[in-house]
Amino acid sequence: MTEERPDYGLADAEVRPREPDARERALSLARHYLGADRAVEAERVVRGALAHAPEDPRLHFELARALVGQERWQEAEDTLDEALGLSLIHI
């Protein structure tokens, strides 16, 4: 029997968001979606990755970009504040 893995928006990719490679794939896919004006899909991918790596400021930044793409200004601002706070922790 194979172990079922949840789909974090990375399609058929092997997903383990706590691992750096999975986060990089999530970031790459989110950026791809944002470049294609698909902010809703980008948000879904980033939120899935954030559920497993909430300490990664890059994920918060990409979430803010996805929210801006949906004109959800206040949420985007709050998310950017969180990304900045996490970035300062890692300096």
C-alpha atoms as a PDB file:
ATOM      1  CA  MET A   1       0.000   0.000   0.000  1.00  0.00           C
ATOM      2  CA  THR A   2       1.340   3.442  -0.895  1.00  0.00           C
ATOM      3  CA  GLU A   3       1.244   6.336   1.478  1.00  0.00           C
ATOM      4  CA  GLU A   4      -1.173   9.071   0.388  1.00  0.00           C
ATOM      5  CA  ARG A   5       0.307  12.535   0.351  1.00  0.00           C
ATOM      6  CA  PRO A   6      -1.792  15.680   0.429  1.00  0.00           C
ATOM      7  CA  ASP A   7      -1.757  17.950  -2.614  1.00  0.00           C
ATOM      8  CA  TYR A   8      -0.361  21.363  -1.706  1.00  0.00           C
ATOM      9  CA  GLY A   9      -0.978  22.762  -5.144  1.00  0.00           C
ATOM     10  CA  LEU A  10       2.128  21.293  -6.689  1.00  0.00           C
ATOM     11  CA  ALA A  11       0.242  18.889  -8.957  1.00  0.00           C
ATOM     12  CA  ASP A  12       2.091  15.601  -9.309  1.00  0.00           C
ATOM     13  CA  ALA A  13       5.298  16.714  -7.581  1.00  0.00           C
ATOM     14  CA  GLU A  14       6.516  14.886  -4.496  1.00  0.00           C
ATOM     15  CA  VAL A  15       5.558  17.281  -1.728  1.00  0.00           C
ATOM     16  CA  ARG A  16       7.067  17.622   1.713  1.00  0.00           C
ATOM     17  CA  PRO A  17       6.767  21.381   2.442  1.00  0.00           C
ATOM     18  CA  ARG A  18       9.009  21.223   5.500  1.00  0.00           C
ATOM     19  CA  GLU A  19      11.872  20.337   3.211  1.00  0.00           C
ATOM     20  CA  PRO A  20      13.583  23.217   1.429  1.00  0.00           C
ATOM     21  CA  ASP A  21      13.135  21.665  -2.029  1.00  0.00           C
ATOM     22  CA  ALA A  22       9.358  21.487  -1.608  1.00  0.00           C
ATOM     23  CA  ARG A  23       9.262  25.105  -0.492  1.00  0.00           C
ATOM     24  CA  GLU A  24      11.319  26.099  -3.516  1.00  0.00           C
ATOM     25  CA  ARG A  25       8.894  24.243  -5.788  1.00  0.00           C
ATOM     26  CA  ALA A  26       5.947  25.983  -4.123  1.00  0.00           C
ATOM     27  CA  LEU A  27       7.619  29.365  -4.529  1.00  0.00           C
ATOM     28  CA  SER A  28       8.436  28.649  -8.151  1.00  0.00           C
ATOM     29  CA  LEU A  29       4.905  27.513  -8.946  1.00  0.00           C
ATOM     30  CA  ALA A  30       3.370  30.502  -7.151  1.00  0.00           C
ATOM     31  CA  ARG A  31       5.622  32.866  -9.096  1.00  0.00           C
ATOM     32  CA  HIS A  32       4.650  31.115 -12.315  1.00  0.00           C
ATOM     33  CA  TYR A  33       0.956  31.566 -11.512  1.00  0.00           C
ATOM     34  CA  LEU A  34       1.483  35.215 -10.586  1.00  0.00           C
ATOM     35  CA  GLY A  35       3.291  35.826 -13.868  1.00  0.00           C
ATOM     36  CA  ALA A  36       0.298  34.335 -15.675  1.00  0.00           C
ATOM     37  CA  ASP A  37      -2.188  36.549 -13.764  1.00  0.00           C
ATOM     38  CA  ARG A  38      -3.486  33.544 -11.826  1.00  0.00           C
ATOM     39  CA  ALA A  39      -3.371  35.030  -8.327  1.00  0.00           C
ATOM     40  CA  VAL A  40      -6.028  32.732  -6.883  1.00  0.00           C
ATOM     41  CA  GLU A  41      -3.995  29.649  -7.824  1.00  0.00           C
ATOM     42  CA  ALA A  42      -0.827  31.280  -6.472  1.00  0.00           C
ATOM     43  CA  GLU A  43      -2.575  31.961  -3.174  1.00  0.00           C
ATOM     44  CA  ARG A  44      -3.702  28.321  -2.927  1.00  0.00           C
ATOM     45  CA  VAL A  45      -0.163  27.041  -3.495  1.00  0.00           C
ATOM     46  CA  VAL A  46       1.422  29.437  -1.012  1.00  0.00           C
ATOM     47  CA  ARG A  47      -1.155  28.833   1.701  1.00  0.00           C
ATOM     48  CA  GLY A  48      -0.606  25.091   1.351  1.00  0.00           C
ATOM     49  CA  ALA A  49       3.129  25.532   1.802  1.00  0.00           C
ATOM     50  CA  LEU A  50       2.667  27.998   4.671  1.00  0.00           C
ATOM     51  CA  ALA A  51       0.662  25.403   6.566  1.00  0.00           C
ATOM     52  CA  HIS A  52       3.896  23.430   6.857  1.00  0.00           C
ATOM     53  CA  ALA A  53       6.519  26.182   6.846  1.00  0.00           C
ATOM     54  CA  PRO A  54       4.979  29.243   8.531  1.00  0.00           C
ATOM     55  CA  GLU A  55       8.408  30.611   9.419  1.00  0.00           C
ATOM     56  CA  ASP A  56       9.471  31.193   5.791  1.00  0.00           C
ATOM     57  CA  PRO A  57       9.236  34.926   5.018  1.00  0.00           C
ATOM     58  CA  ARG A  58       9.480  34.272   1.273  1.00  0.00           C
ATOM     59  CA  LEU A  59       6.185  32.381   1.367  1.00  0.00           C
ATOM     60  CA  HIS A  60       4.535  35.284   3.185  1.00  0.00           C
ATOM     61  CA  PHE A  61       5.900  37.691   0.574  1.00  0.00           C
ATOM     62  CA  GLU A  62       4.510  35.610  -2.301  1.00  0.00           C
ATOM     63  CA  LEU A  63       1.180  35.381  -0.484  1.00  0.00           C
ATOM     64  CA  ALA A  64       1.130  39.173  -0.268  1.00  0.00           C
ATOM     65  CA  ARG A  65       1.787  39.371  -4.014  1.00  0.00           C
ATOM     66  CA  ALA A  66      -1.094  36.970  -4.657  1.00  0.00           C
ATOM     67  CA  LEU A  67      -3.371  39.084  -2.470  1.00  0.00           C
ATOM     68  CA  VAL A  68      -2.359  42.255  -4.312  1.00  0.00           C
ATOM     69  CA  GLY A  69      -3.205  40.455  -7.548  1.00  0.00           C
ATOM     70  CA  GLN A  70      -6.706  39.997  -6.164  1.00  0.00           C
ATOM     71  CA  GLU A  71      -6.878  43.603  -4.935  1.00  0.00           C
ATOM     72  CA  ARG A  72      -7.127  42.451  -1.328  1.00  0.00           C
ATOM     73  CA  TRP A  73      -5.062  45.391  -0.148  1.00  0.00           C
ATOM     74  CA  GLN A  74      -5.403  45.200   3.644  1.00  0.00           C
ATOM     75  CA  GLU A  75      -4.671  41.472   3.745  1.00  0.00           C
ATOM     76  CA  ALA A  76      -1.652  42.053   1.509  1.00  0.00           C
ATOM     77  CA  GLU A  77      -0.351  44.795   3.804  1.00  0.00           C
ATOM     78  CA  ASP A  78      -0.797  42.622   6.899  1.00  0.00           C
ATOM     79  CA  THR A  79       0.961  39.739   5.185  1.00  0.00           C
ATOM     80  CA  LEU A  80       3.873  41.968   4.161  1.00  0.00           C
ATOM     81  CA  ASP A  81       4.208  43.136   7.758  1.00  0.00           C
ATOM     82  CA  GLU A  82       4.416  39.512   8.832  1.00  0.00           C
ATOM     83  CA  ALA A  83       7.007  38.744   6.138  1.00  0.00           C
ATOM     84  CA  LEU A  84       9.128  41.675   7.280  1.00  0.00           C
ATOM     85  CA  GLY A  85       8.895  40.596  10.891  1.00  0.00           C
ATOM     86  CA  LEU A  86      10.024  37.087  10.018  1.00  0.00           C
ATOM     87  CA  SER A  87      12.838  38.448   7.837  1.00  0.00           C
ATOM     88  CA  LEU A  88      14.183  40.522  10.721  1.00  0.00           C
ATOM     89  CA  ILE A  89      14.208  37.463  12.973  1.00  0.00           C
ATOM     90  CA  HIS A  90      16.506  35.675  10.513  1.00  0.00           C
ATOM     91  CA  ILE A  91      19.030  38.505  10.160  1.00  0.00           C
END
